[in-house]
Amino acid sequence: AAGNHNQGIRIETNDGNFFLKLNFDHEKDILNKESQGLDYLRKNTFLQ
């Protein structure tokens, strides 16, 4: 996936697959905050 600001990459490794989100033109902590948001969601919903 790719947009104006972000790229989504499927990373294949010797330990399985991962999803990598990259961006290079925003605040330096923007994806740290997104990670925190995902953690909040995971603790408060039965959705995956």
ModelCIF file with pLDDT and N, C-alpha, C, O atoms, coordinates in Angstrom:
data_MODEL
#
_entry.id   MODEL 
#
_entity.id                         1 
_entity.type                       polymer 
_entity.pdbx_number_of_molecules   1 
#
_entity_poly.entity_id                      1 
_entity_poly.type                           'polypeptide(L)' 
_entity_poly.nstd_linkage                   no 
_entity_poly.nstd_monomer                   no 
_entity_poly.pdbx_seq_one_letter_code       AAGNHNQGIRIETNDGNFFLKLNFDHEKDILNKESQGLDYLRKNTFLQ 
_entity_poly.pdbx_seq_one_letter_code_can   AAGNHNQGIRIETNDGNFFLKLNFDHEKDILNKESQGLDYLRKNTFLQ 
_entity_poly.pdbx_strand_id                 A 
#
loop_
_entity_poly_seq.entity_id 
_entity_poly_seq.num 
_entity_poly_seq.mon_id 
_entity_poly_seq.hetero 
1 1  ALA n 
1 2  ALA n 
1 3  GLY n 
1 4  ASN n 
1 5  HIS n 
1 6  ASN n 
1 7  GLN n 
1 8  GLY n 
1 9  ILE n 
1 10 ARG n 
1 11 ILE n 
1 12 GLU n 
1 13 THR n 
1 14 ASN n 
1 15 ASP n 
1 16 GLY n 
1 17 ASN n 
1 18 PHE n 
1 19 PHE n 
1 20 LEU n 
1 21 LYS n 
1 22 LEU n 
1 23 ASN n 
1 24 PHE n 
1 25 ASP n 
1 26 HIS n 
1 27 GLU n 
1 28 LYS n 
1 29 ASP n 
1 30 ILE n 
1 31 LEU n 
1 32 ASN n 
1 33 LYS n 
1 34 GLU n 
1 35 SER n 
1 36 GLN n 
1 37 GLY n 
1 38 LEU n 
1 39 ASP n 
1 40 TYR n 
1 41 LEU n 
1 42 ARG n 
1 43 LYS n 
1 44 ASN n 
1 45 THR n 
1 46 PHE n 
1 47 LEU n 
1 48 GLN n 
#
_struct_asym.id          A 
_struct_asym.entity_id   1 
#
loop_
_ma_qa_metric.id 
_ma_qa_metric.mode 
_ma_qa_metric.name 
_ma_qa_metric.software_group_id 
_ma_qa_metric.type 
1 global pLDDT . pLDDT 
2 local  pLDDT . pLDDT 
#
_ma_qa_metric_global.metric_id      1 
_ma_qa_metric_global.metric_value   91.12 
_ma_qa_metric_global.model_id       1 
_ma_qa_metric_global.ordinal_id     1 
#
loop_
_ma_qa_metric_local.label_asym_id 
_ma_qa_metric_local.label_comp_id 
_ma_qa_metric_local.label_seq_id 
_ma_qa_metric_local.metric_id 
_ma_qa_metric_local.metric_value 
_ma_qa_metric_local.model_id 
_ma_qa_metric_local.ordinal_id 
A ALA 1  2 90.00 1 1  
A ALA 2  2 90.00 1 2  
A GLY 3  2 84.00 1 3  
A ASN 4  2 81.00 1 4  
A HIS 5  2 84.00 1 5  
A ASN 6  2 89.00 1 6  
A GLN 7  2 93.00 1 7  
A GLY 8  2 96.00 1 8  
A ILE 9  2 97.00 1 9  
A ARG 10 2 97.00 1 10 
A ILE 11 2 98.00 1 11 
A GLU 12 2 98.00 1 12 
A THR 13 2 98.00 1 13 
A ASN 14 2 97.00 1 14 
A ASP 15 2 97.00 1 15 
A GLY 16 2 96.00 1 16 
A ASN 17 2 97.00 1 17 
A PHE 18 2 98.00 1 18 
A PHE 19 2 98.00 1 19 
A LEU 20 2 98.00 1 20 
A LYS 21 2 96.00 1 21 
A LEU 22 2 94.00 1 22 
A ASN 23 2 90.00 1 23 
A PHE 24 2 81.00 1 24 
A ASP 25 2 70.00 1 25 
A HIS 26 2 68.00 1 26 
A GLU 27 2 76.00 1 27 
A LYS 28 2 84.00 1 28 
A ASP 29 2 90.00 1 29 
A ILE 30 2 90.00 1 30 
A LEU 31 2 93.00 1 31 
A ASN 32 2 93.00 1 32 
A LYS 33 2 92.00 1 33 
A GLU 34 2 93.00 1 34 
A SER 35 2 94.00 1 35 
A GLN 36 2 93.00 1 36 
A GLY 37 2 92.00 1 37 
A LEU 38 2 93.00 1 38 
A ASP 39 2 93.00 1 39 
A TYR 40 2 90.00 1 40 
A LEU 41 2 91.00 1 41 
A ARG 42 2 92.00 1 42 
A LYS 43 2 91.00 1 43 
A ASN 44 2 90.00 1 44 
A THR 45 2 92.00 1 45 
A PHE 46 2 93.00 1 46 
A LEU 47 2 92.00 1 47 
A GLN 48 2 92.00 1 48 
#
loop_
_atom_site.group_PDB 
_atom_site.id 
_atom_site.type_symbol 
_atom_site.label_atom_id 
_atom_site.label_alt_id 
_atom_site.label_comp_id 
_atom_site.label_asym_id 
_atom_site.label_entity_id 
_atom_site.label_seq_id 
_atom_site.pdbx_PDB_ins_code 
_atom_site.Cartn_x 
_atom_site.Cartn_y 
_atom_site.Cartn_z 
_atom_site.occupancy 
_atom_site.B_iso_or_equiv 
_atom_site.pdbx_formal_charge 
_atom_site.auth_seq_id 
_atom_site.auth_comp_id 
_atom_site.auth_asym_id 
_atom_site.auth_atom_id 
_atom_site.pdbx_PDB_model_num 
ATOM 1   N N  . ALA A 1 1  ? 0.854   -1.190  0.000  1.00 90.00 ? 1  ALA A N  1 
ATOM 2   C CA . ALA A 1 1  ? 0.000   0.000   0.000  1.00 90.00 ? 1  ALA A CA 1 
ATOM 3   C C  . ALA A 1 1  ? 0.887   1.236   0.000  1.00 90.00 ? 1  ALA A C  1 
ATOM 4   O O  . ALA A 1 1  ? 1.985   1.225   0.557  1.00 90.00 ? 1  ALA A O  1 
ATOM 5   N N  . ALA A 1 2  ? 0.404   2.298   -0.628 1.00 90.00 ? 2  ALA A N  1 
ATOM 6   C CA . ALA A 1 2  ? 1.163   3.550   -0.654 1.00 90.00 ? 2  ALA A CA 1 
ATOM 7   C C  . ALA A 1 2  ? 0.203   4.712   -0.817 1.00 90.00 ? 2  ALA A C  1 
ATOM 8   O O  . ALA A 1 2  ? -0.783  4.622   -1.549 1.00 90.00 ? 2  ALA A O  1 
ATOM 9   N N  . GLY A 1 3  ? 0.497   5.794   -0.136 1.00 84.00 ? 3  GLY A N  1 
ATOM 10  C CA . GLY A 1 3  ? -0.302  7.011   -0.244 1.00 84.00 ? 3  GLY A CA 1 
ATOM 11  C C  . GLY A 1 3  ? 0.603   8.209   -0.406 1.00 84.00 ? 3  GLY A C  1 
ATOM 12  O O  . GLY A 1 3  ? 1.764   8.072   -0.792 1.00 84.00 ? 3  GLY A O  1 
ATOM 13  N N  . ASN A 1 4  ? 0.071   9.395   -0.107 1.00 81.00 ? 4  ASN A N  1 
ATOM 14  C CA . ASN A 1 4  ? 0.861   10.610  -0.253 1.00 81.00 ? 4  ASN A CA 1 
ATOM 15  C C  . ASN A 1 4  ? 1.991   10.692  0.766  1.00 81.00 ? 4  ASN A C  1 
ATOM 16  O O  . ASN A 1 4  ? 3.024   11.310  0.509  1.00 81.00 ? 4  ASN A O  1 
ATOM 17  N N  . HIS A 1 5  ? 1.792   10.071  1.915  1.00 84.00 ? 5  HIS A N  1 
ATOM 18  C CA . HIS A 1 5  ? 2.762   10.225  2.996  1.00 84.00 ? 5  HIS A CA 1 
ATOM 19  C C  . HIS A 1 5  ? 3.326   8.915   3.528  1.00 84.00 ? 5  HIS A C  1 
ATOM 20  O O  . HIS A 1 5  ? 4.411   8.906   4.108  1.00 84.00 ? 5  HIS A O  1 
ATOM 21  N N  . ASN A 1 6  ? 2.625   7.827   3.345  1.00 89.00 ? 6  ASN A N  1 
ATOM 22  C CA . ASN A 1 6  ? 3.017   6.572   3.971  1.00 89.00 ? 6  ASN A CA 1 
ATOM 23  C C  . ASN A 1 6  ? 3.182   5.446   2.965  1.00 89.00 ? 6  ASN A C  1 
ATOM 24  O O  . ASN A 1 6  ? 2.603   5.462   1.879  1.00 89.00 ? 6  ASN A O  1 
ATOM 25  N N  . GLN A 1 7  ? 3.982   4.481   3.353  1.00 93.00 ? 7  GLN A N  1 
ATOM 26  C CA . GLN A 1 7  ? 4.113   3.241   2.590  1.00 93.00 ? 7  GLN A CA 1 
ATOM 27  C C  . GLN A 1 7  ? 3.860   2.066   3.520  1.00 93.00 ? 7  GLN A C  1 
ATOM 28  O O  . GLN A 1 7  ? 4.285   2.079   4.676  1.00 93.00 ? 7  GLN A O  1 
ATOM 29  N N  . GLY A 1 8  ? 3.167   1.047   3.015  1.00 96.00 ? 8  GLY A N  1 
ATOM 30  C CA . GLY A 1 8  ? 2.957   -0.183  3.752  1.00 96.00 ? 8  GLY A CA 1 
ATOM 31  C C  . GLY A 1 8  ? 3.705   -1.303  3.056  1.00 96.00 ? 8  GLY A C  1 
ATOM 32  O O  . GLY A 1 8  ? 3.501   -1.545  1.866  1.00 96.00 ? 8  GLY A O  1 
ATOM 33  N N  . ILE A 1 9  ? 4.572   -1.989  3.793  1.00 97.00 ? 9  ILE A N  1 
ATOM 34  C CA . ILE A 1 9  ? 5.443   -3.004  3.192  1.00 97.00 ? 9  ILE A CA 1 
ATOM 35  C C  . ILE A 1 9  ? 5.260   -4.337  3.918  1.00 97.00 ? 9  ILE A C  1 
ATOM 36  O O  . ILE A 1 9  ? 5.244   -4.393  5.147  1.00 97.00 ? 9  ILE A O  1 
ATOM 37  N N  . ARG A 1 10 ? 5.124   -5.389  3.145  1.00 97.00 ? 10 ARG A N  1 
ATOM 38  C CA . ARG A 1 10 ? 5.116   -6.747  3.700  1.00 97.00 ? 10 ARG A CA 1 
ATOM 39  C C  . ARG A 1 10 ? 6.556   -7.220  3.785  1.00 97.00 ? 10 ARG A C  1 
ATOM 40  O O  . ARG A 1 10 ? 7.254   -7.313  2.775  1.00 97.00 ? 10 ARG A O  1 
ATOM 41  N N  . ILE A 1 11 ? 6.991   -7.517  4.999  1.00 98.00 ? 11 ILE A N  1 
ATOM 42  C CA . ILE A 1 11 ? 8.360   -7.935  5.248  1.00 98.00 ? 11 ILE A CA 1 
ATOM 43  C C  . ILE A 1 11 ? 8.377   -9.443  5.521  1.00 98.00 ? 11 ILE A C  1 
ATOM 44  O O  . ILE A 1 11 ? 7.752   -9.914  6.471  1.00 98.00 ? 11 ILE A O  1 
ATOM 45  N N  . GLU A 1 12 ? 9.091   -10.187 4.688  1.00 98.00 ? 12 GLU A N  1 
ATOM 46  C CA . GLU A 1 12 ? 9.246   -11.624 4.905  1.00 98.00 ? 12 GLU A CA 1 
ATOM 47  C C  . GLU A 1 12 ? 10.601  -11.889 5.546  1.00 98.00 ? 12 GLU A C  1 
ATOM 48  O O  . GLU A 1 12 ? 11.628  -11.419 5.056  1.00 98.00 ? 12 GLU A O  1 
ATOM 49  N N  . THR A 1 13 ? 10.604  -12.646 6.646  1.00 98.00 ? 13 THR A N  1 
ATOM 50  C CA . THR A 1 13 ? 11.842  -12.929 7.364  1.00 98.00 ? 13 THR A CA 1 
ATOM 51  C C  . THR A 1 13 ? 11.943  -14.424 7.676  1.00 98.00 ? 13 THR A C  1 
ATOM 52  O O  . THR A 1 13 ? 11.034  -15.198 7.375  1.00 98.00 ? 13 THR A O  1 
ATOM 53  N N  . ASN A 1 14 ? 13.043  -14.804 8.271  1.00 97.00 ? 14 ASN A N  1 
ATOM 54  C CA . ASN A 1 14 ? 13.217  -16.185 8.714  1.00 97.00 ? 14 ASN A CA 1 
ATOM 55  C C  . ASN A 1 14 ? 12.338  -16.517 9.918  1.00 97.00 ? 14 ASN A C  1 
ATOM 56  O O  . ASN A 1 14 ? 12.252  -17.676 10.322 1.00 97.00 ? 14 ASN A O  1 
ATOM 57  N N  . ASP A 1 15 ? 11.677  -15.494 10.500 1.00 97.00 ? 15 ASP A N  1 
ATOM 58  C CA . ASP A 1 15 ? 10.800  -15.693 11.654 1.00 97.00 ? 15 ASP A CA 1 
ATOM 59  C C  . ASP A 1 15 ? 9.356   -15.329 11.332 1.00 97.00 ? 15 ASP A C  1 
ATOM 60  O O  . ASP A 1 15 ? 8.581   -15.013 12.235 1.00 97.00 ? 15 ASP A O  1 
ATOM 61  N N  . GLY A 1 16 ? 8.988   -15.370 10.056 1.00 96.00 ? 16 GLY A N  1 
ATOM 62  C CA . GLY A 1 16 ? 7.618   -15.054 9.659  1.00 96.00 ? 16 GLY A CA 1 
ATOM 63  C C  . GLY A 1 16 ? 7.495   -13.717 8.963  1.00 96.00 ? 16 GLY A C  1 
ATOM 64  O O  . GLY A 1 16 ? 8.493   -13.071 8.642  1.00 96.00 ? 16 GLY A O  1 
ATOM 65  N N  . ASN A 1 17 ? 6.261   -13.312 8.736  1.00 97.00 ? 17 ASN A N  1 
ATOM 66  C CA . ASN A 1 17 ? 5.972   -12.072 8.016  1.00 97.00 ? 17 ASN A CA 1 
ATOM 67  C C  . ASN A 1 17 ? 5.556   -10.962 8.970  1.00 97.00 ? 17 ASN A C  1 
ATOM 68  O O  . ASN A 1 17 ? 4.955   -11.209 10.015 1.00 97.00 ? 17 ASN A O  1 
ATOM 69  N N  . PHE A 1 18 ? 5.889   -9.731  8.585  1.00 98.00 ? 18 PHE A N  1 
ATOM 70  C CA . PHE A 1 18 ? 5.556   -8.563  9.383  1.00 98.00 ? 18 PHE A CA 1 
ATOM 71  C C  . PHE A 1 18 ? 5.046   -7.460  8.449  1.00 98.00 ? 18 PHE A C  1 
ATOM 72  O O  . PHE A 1 18 ? 5.274   -7.485  7.240  1.00 98.00 ? 18 PHE A O  1 
ATOM 73  N N  . PHE A 1 19 ? 4.349   -6.493  9.055  1.00 98.00 ? 19 PHE A N  1 
ATOM 74  C CA . PHE A 1 19 ? 3.873   -5.333  8.296  1.00 98.00 ? 19 PHE A CA 1 
ATOM 75  C C  . PHE A 1 19 ? 4.641   -4.111  8.767  1.00 98.00 ? 19 PHE A C  1 
ATOM 76  O O  . PHE A 1 19 ? 4.687   -3.813  9.961  1.00 98.00 ? 19 PHE A O  1 
ATOM 77  N N  . LEU A 1 20 ? 5.239   -3.409  7.821  1.00 98.00 ? 20 LEU A N  1 
ATOM 78  C CA . LEU A 1 20 ? 6.039   -2.222  8.128  1.00 98.00 ? 20 LEU A CA 1 
ATOM 79  C C  . LEU A 1 20 ? 5.387   -0.989  7.526  1.00 98.00 ? 20 LEU A C  1 
ATOM 80  O O  . LEU A 1 20 ? 5.095   -0.949  6.331  1.00 98.00 ? 20 LEU A O  1 
ATOM 81  N N  . LYS A 1 21 ? 5.163   0.006   8.355  1.00 96.00 ? 21 LYS A N  1 
ATOM 82  C CA . LYS A 1 21 ? 4.655   1.296   7.888  1.00 96.00 ? 21 LYS A CA 1 
ATOM 83  C C  . LYS A 1 21 ? 5.780   2.313   7.983  1.00 96.00 ? 21 LYS A C  1 
ATOM 84  O O  . LYS A 1 21 ? 6.413   2.461   9.028  1.00 96.00 ? 21 LYS A O  1 
ATOM 85  N N  . LEU A 1 22 ? 6.021   3.009   6.888  1.00 94.00 ? 22 LEU A N  1 
ATOM 86  C CA . LEU A 1 22 ? 7.081   4.009   6.818  1.00 94.00 ? 22 LEU A CA 1 
ATOM 87  C C  . LEU A 1 22 ? 6.507   5.360   6.418  1.00 94.00 ? 22 LEU A C  1 
ATOM 88  O O  . LEU A 1 22 ? 5.594   5.427   5.595  1.00 94.00 ? 22 LEU A O  1 
ATOM 89  N N  . ASN A 1 23 ? 7.034   6.438   6.992  1.00 90.00 ? 23 ASN A N  1 
ATOM 90  C CA . ASN A 1 23 ? 6.836   7.771   6.424  1.00 90.00 ? 23 ASN A CA 1 
ATOM 91  C C  . ASN A 1 23 ? 8.042   8.628   6.759  1.00 90.00 ? 23 ASN A C  1 
ATOM 92  O O  . ASN A 1 23 ? 8.782   8.327   7.696  1.00 90.00 ? 23 ASN A O  1 
ATOM 93  N N  . PHE A 1 24 ? 8.241   9.691   6.001  1.00 81.00 ? 24 PHE A N  1 
ATOM 94  C CA . PHE A 1 24 ? 9.458   10.478  6.162  1.00 81.00 ? 24 PHE A CA 1 
ATOM 95  C C  . PHE A 1 24 ? 9.228   11.981  6.166  1.00 81.00 ? 24 PHE A C  1 
ATOM 96  O O  . PHE A 1 24 ? 10.187  12.748  6.071  1.00 81.00 ? 24 PHE A O  1 
ATOM 97  N N  . ASP A 1 25 ? 7.978   12.420  6.274  1.00 70.00 ? 25 ASP A N  1 
ATOM 98  C CA . ASP A 1 25 ? 7.764   13.870  6.194  1.00 70.00 ? 25 ASP A CA 1 
ATOM 99  C C  . ASP A 1 25 ? 6.818   14.379  7.274  1.00 70.00 ? 25 ASP A C  1 
ATOM 100 O O  . ASP A 1 25 ? 6.163   15.404  7.086  1.00 70.00 ? 25 ASP A O  1 
ATOM 101 N N  . HIS A 1 26 ? 6.736   13.673  8.407  1.00 68.00 ? 26 HIS A N  1 
ATOM 102 C CA . HIS A 1 26 ? 5.859   14.109  9.477  1.00 68.00 ? 26 HIS A CA 1 
ATOM 103 C C  . HIS A 1 26 ? 6.626   14.262  10.779 1.00 68.00 ? 26 HIS A C  1 
ATOM 104 O O  . HIS A 1 26 ? 7.845   14.090  10.821 1.00 68.00 ? 26 HIS A O  1 
ATOM 105 N N  . GLU A 1 27 ? 5.898   14.587  11.843 1.00 76.00 ? 27 GLU A N  1 
ATOM 106 C CA . GLU A 1 27 ? 6.500   14.674  13.164 1.00 76.00 ? 27 GLU A CA 1 
ATOM 107 C C  . GLU A 1 27 ? 7.185   13.354  13.508 1.00 76.00 ? 27 GLU A C  1 
ATOM 108 O O  . GLU A 1 27 ? 6.702   12.281  13.146 1.00 76.00 ? 27 GLU A O  1 
ATOM 109 N N  . LYS A 1 28 ? 8.302   13.440  14.201 1.00 84.00 ? 28 LYS A N  1 
ATOM 110 C CA . LYS A 1 28 ? 9.104   12.249  14.442 1.00 84.00 ? 28 LYS A CA 1 
ATOM 111 C C  . LYS A 1 28 ? 8.423   11.222  15.339 1.00 84.00 ? 28 LYS A C  1 
ATOM 112 O O  . LYS A 1 28 ? 8.797   10.049  15.329 1.00 84.00 ? 28 LYS A O  1 
ATOM 113 N N  . ASP A 1 29 ? 7.423   11.648  16.116 1.00 90.00 ? 29 ASP A N  1 
ATOM 114 C CA . ASP A 1 29 ? 6.771   10.697  17.015 1.00 90.00 ? 29 ASP A CA 1 
ATOM 115 C C  . ASP A 1 29 ? 5.415   10.219  16.504 1.00 90.00 ? 29 ASP A C  1 
ATOM 116 O O  . ASP A 1 29 ? 4.680   9.564   17.243 1.00 90.00 ? 29 ASP A O  1 
ATOM 117 N N  . ILE A 1 30 ? 5.068   10.534  15.253 1.00 90.00 ? 30 ILE A N  1 
ATOM 118 C CA . ILE A 1 30 ? 3.714   10.262  14.782 1.00 90.00 ? 30 ILE A CA 1 
ATOM 119 C C  . ILE A 1 30 ? 3.384   8.771   14.782 1.00 90.00 ? 30 ILE A C  1 
ATOM 120 O O  . ILE A 1 30 ? 2.263   8.395   15.124 1.00 90.00 ? 30 ILE A O  1 
ATOM 121 N N  . LEU A 1 31 ? 4.325   7.924   14.411 1.00 93.00 ? 31 LEU A N  1 
ATOM 122 C CA . LEU A 1 31 ? 4.045   6.494   14.399 1.00 93.00 ? 31 LEU A CA 1 
ATOM 123 C C  . LEU A 1 31 ? 4.195   5.882   15.790 1.00 93.00 ? 31 LEU A C  1 
ATOM 124 O O  . LEU A 1 31 ? 3.622   4.827   16.063 1.00 93.00 ? 31 LEU A O  1 
ATOM 125 N N  . ASN A 1 32 ? 4.954   6.526   16.667 1.00 93.00 ? 32 ASN A N  1 
ATOM 126 C CA . ASN A 1 32 ? 4.950   6.106   18.066 1.00 93.00 ? 32 ASN A CA 1 
ATOM 127 C C  . ASN A 1 32 ? 3.557   6.278   18.664 1.00 93.00 ? 32 ASN A C  1 
ATOM 128 O O  . ASN A 1 32 ? 3.071   5.413   19.392 1.00 93.00 ? 32 ASN A O  1 
ATOM 129 N N  . LYS A 1 33 ? 2.924   7.399   18.350 1.00 92.00 ? 33 LYS A N  1 
ATOM 130 C CA . LYS A 1 33 ? 1.570   7.640   18.838 1.00 92.00 ? 33 LYS A CA 1 
ATOM 131 C C  . LYS A 1 33 ? 0.582   6.655   18.223 1.00 92.00 ? 33 LYS A C  1 
ATOM 132 O O  . LYS A 1 33 ? -0.353  6.212   18.890 1.00 92.00 ? 33 LYS A O  1 
ATOM 133 N N  . GLU A 1 34 ? 0.787   6.312   16.954 1.00 93.00 ? 34 GLU A N  1 
ATOM 134 C CA . GLU A 1 34 ? -0.083  5.324   16.324 1.00 93.00 ? 34 GLU A CA 1 
ATOM 135 C C  . GLU A 1 34 ? 0.074   3.962   17.004 1.00 93.00 ? 34 GLU A C  1 
ATOM 136 O O  . GLU A 1 34 ? -0.903  3.237   17.191 1.00 93.00 ? 34 GLU A O  1 
ATOM 137 N N  . SER A 1 35 ? 1.292   3.627   17.364 1.00 94.00 ? 35 SER A N  1 
ATOM 138 C CA . SER A 1 35 ? 1.533   2.374   18.070 1.00 94.00 ? 35 SER A CA 1 
ATOM 139 C C  . SER A 1 35 ? 0.805   2.363   19.411 1.00 94.00 ? 35 SER A C  1 
ATOM 140 O O  . SER A 1 35 ? 0.192   1.360   19.776 1.00 94.00 ? 35 SER A O  1 
ATOM 141 N N  . GLN A 1 36 ? 0.868   3.477   20.148 1.00 93.00 ? 36 GLN A N  1 
ATOM 142 C CA . GLN A 1 36 ? 0.149   3.582   21.411 1.00 93.00 ? 36 GLN A CA 1 
ATOM 143 C C  . GLN A 1 36 ? -1.351  3.414   21.197 1.00 93.00 ? 36 GLN A C  1 
ATOM 144 O O  . GLN A 1 36 ? -2.034  2.757   21.984 1.00 93.00 ? 36 GLN A O  1 
ATOM 145 N N  . GLY A 1 37 ? -1.857  4.020   20.114 1.00 92.00 ? 37 GLY A N  1 
ATOM 146 C CA . GLY A 1 37 ? -3.278  3.910   19.808 1.00 92.00 ? 37 GLY A CA 1 
ATOM 147 C C  . GLY A 1 37 ? -3.696  2.475   19.539 1.00 92.00 ? 37 GLY A C  1 
ATOM 148 O O  . GLY A 1 37 ? -4.750  2.032   19.994 1.00 92.00 ? 37 GLY A O  1 
ATOM 149 N N  . LEU A 1 38 ? -2.872  1.755   18.801 1.00 93.00 ? 38 LEU A N  1 
ATOM 150 C CA . LEU A 1 38 ? -3.163  0.344   18.543 1.00 93.00 ? 38 LEU A CA 1 
ATOM 151 C C  . LEU A 1 38 ? -3.154  -0.464  19.835 1.00 93.00 ? 38 LEU A C  1 
ATOM 152 O O  . LEU A 1 38 ? -3.974  -1.364  20.018 1.00 93.00 ? 38 LEU A O  1 
ATOM 153 N N  . ASP A 1 39 ? -2.231  -0.142  20.724 1.00 93.00 ? 39 ASP A N  1 
ATOM 154 C CA . ASP A 1 39 ? -2.179  -0.835  22.015 1.00 93.00 ? 39 ASP A CA 1 
ATOM 155 C C  . ASP A 1 39 ? -3.439  -0.562  22.830 1.00 93.00 ? 39 ASP A C  1 
ATOM 156 O O  . ASP A 1 39 ? -3.990  -1.479  23.440 1.00 93.00 ? 39 ASP A O  1 
ATOM 157 N N  . TYR A 1 40 ? -3.906  0.698   22.847 1.00 90.00 ? 40 TYR A N  1 
ATOM 158 C CA . TYR A 1 40 ? -5.143  1.033   23.553 1.00 90.00 ? 40 TYR A CA 1 
ATOM 159 C C  . TYR A 1 40 ? -6.314  0.248   22.972 1.00 90.00 ? 40 TYR A C  1 
ATOM 160 O O  . TYR A 1 40 ? -7.119  -0.316  23.713 1.00 90.00 ? 40 TYR A O  1 
ATOM 161 N N  . LEU A 1 41 ? -6.404  0.214   21.662 1.00 91.00 ? 41 LEU A N  1 
ATOM 162 C CA . LEU A 1 41 ? -7.501  -0.499  21.010 1.00 91.00 ? 41 LEU A CA 1 
ATOM 163 C C  . LEU A 1 41 ? -7.462  -1.983  21.347 1.00 91.00 ? 41 LEU A C  1 
ATOM 164 O O  . LEU A 1 41 ? -8.492  -2.580  21.662 1.00 91.00 ? 41 LEU A O  1 
ATOM 165 N N  . ARG A 1 42 ? -6.289  -2.571  21.282 1.00 92.00 ? 42 ARG A N  1 
ATOM 166 C CA . ARG A 1 42 ? -6.164  -4.015  21.508 1.00 92.00 ? 42 ARG A CA 1 
ATOM 167 C C  . ARG A 1 42 ? -6.606  -4.396  22.922 1.00 92.00 ? 42 ARG A C  1 
ATOM 168 O O  . ARG A 1 42 ? -7.122  -5.493  23.137 1.00 92.00 ? 42 ARG A O  1 
ATOM 169 N N  . LYS A 1 43 ? -6.406  -3.500  23.880 1.00 91.00 ? 43 LYS A N  1 
ATOM 170 C CA . LYS A 1 43 ? -6.776  -3.779  25.268 1.00 91.00 ? 43 LYS A CA 1 
ATOM 171 C C  . LYS A 1 43 ? -8.268  -3.578  25.523 1.00 91.00 ? 43 LYS A C  1 
ATOM 172 O O  . LYS A 1 43 ? -8.775  -3.970  26.574 1.00 91.00 ? 43 LYS A O  1 
ATOM 173 N N  . ASN A 1 44 ? -8.970  -2.974  24.573 1.00 90.00 ? 44 ASN A N  1 
ATOM 174 C CA . ASN A 1 44 ? -10.355 -2.589  24.845 1.00 90.00 ? 44 ASN A CA 1 
ATOM 175 C C  . ASN A 1 44 ? -11.362 -3.104  23.831 1.00 90.00 ? 44 ASN A C  1 
ATOM 176 O O  . ASN A 1 44 ? -12.493 -2.619  23.792 1.00 90.00 ? 44 ASN A O  1 
ATOM 177 N N  . THR A 1 45 ? -10.978 -4.078  23.006 1.00 92.00 ? 45 THR A N  1 
ATOM 178 C CA . THR A 1 45 ? -11.924 -4.612  22.031 1.00 92.00 ? 45 THR A CA 1 
ATOM 179 C C  . THR A 1 45 ? -11.626 -6.075  21.758 1.00 92.00 ? 45 THR A C  1 
ATOM 180 O O  . THR A 1 45 ? -10.493 -6.537  21.893 1.00 92.00 ? 45 THR A O  1 
ATOM 181 N N  . PHE A 1 46 ? -12.677 -6.794  21.370 1.00 93.00 ? 46 PHE A N  1 
ATOM 182 C CA . PHE A 1 46 ? -12.488 -8.191  20.967 1.00 93.00 ? 46 PHE A CA 1 
ATOM 183 C C  . PHE A 1 46 ? -12.136 -8.301  19.487 1.00 93.00 ? 46 PHE A C  1 
ATOM 184 O O  . PHE A 1 46 ? -11.808 -9.388  19.013 1.00 93.00 ? 46 PHE A O  1 
ATOM 185 N N  . LEU A 1 47 ? -12.199 -7.190  18.747 1.00 92.00 ? 47 LEU A N  1 
ATOM 186 C CA . LEU A 1 47 ? -11.809 -7.200  17.348 1.00 92.00 ? 47 LEU A CA 1 
ATOM 187 C C  . LEU A 1 47 ? -10.306 -7.446  17.228 1.00 92.00 ? 47 LEU A C  1 
ATOM 188 O O  . LEU A 1 47 ? -9.549  -7.125  18.144 1.00 92.00 ? 47 LEU A O  1 
ATOM 189 N N  . GLN A 1 48 ? -9.883  -8.001  16.127 1.00 92.00 ? 48 GLN A N  1 
ATOM 190 C CA . GLN A 1 48 ? -8.465  -8.302  15.941 1.00 92.00 ? 48 GLN A CA 1 
ATOM 191 C C  . GLN A 1 48 ? -7.699  -7.032  15.596 1.00 92.00 ? 48 GLN A C  1 
ATOM 192 O O  . GLN A 1 48 ? -6.484  -7.077  15.401 1.00 92.00 ? 48 GLN A O  1 
#
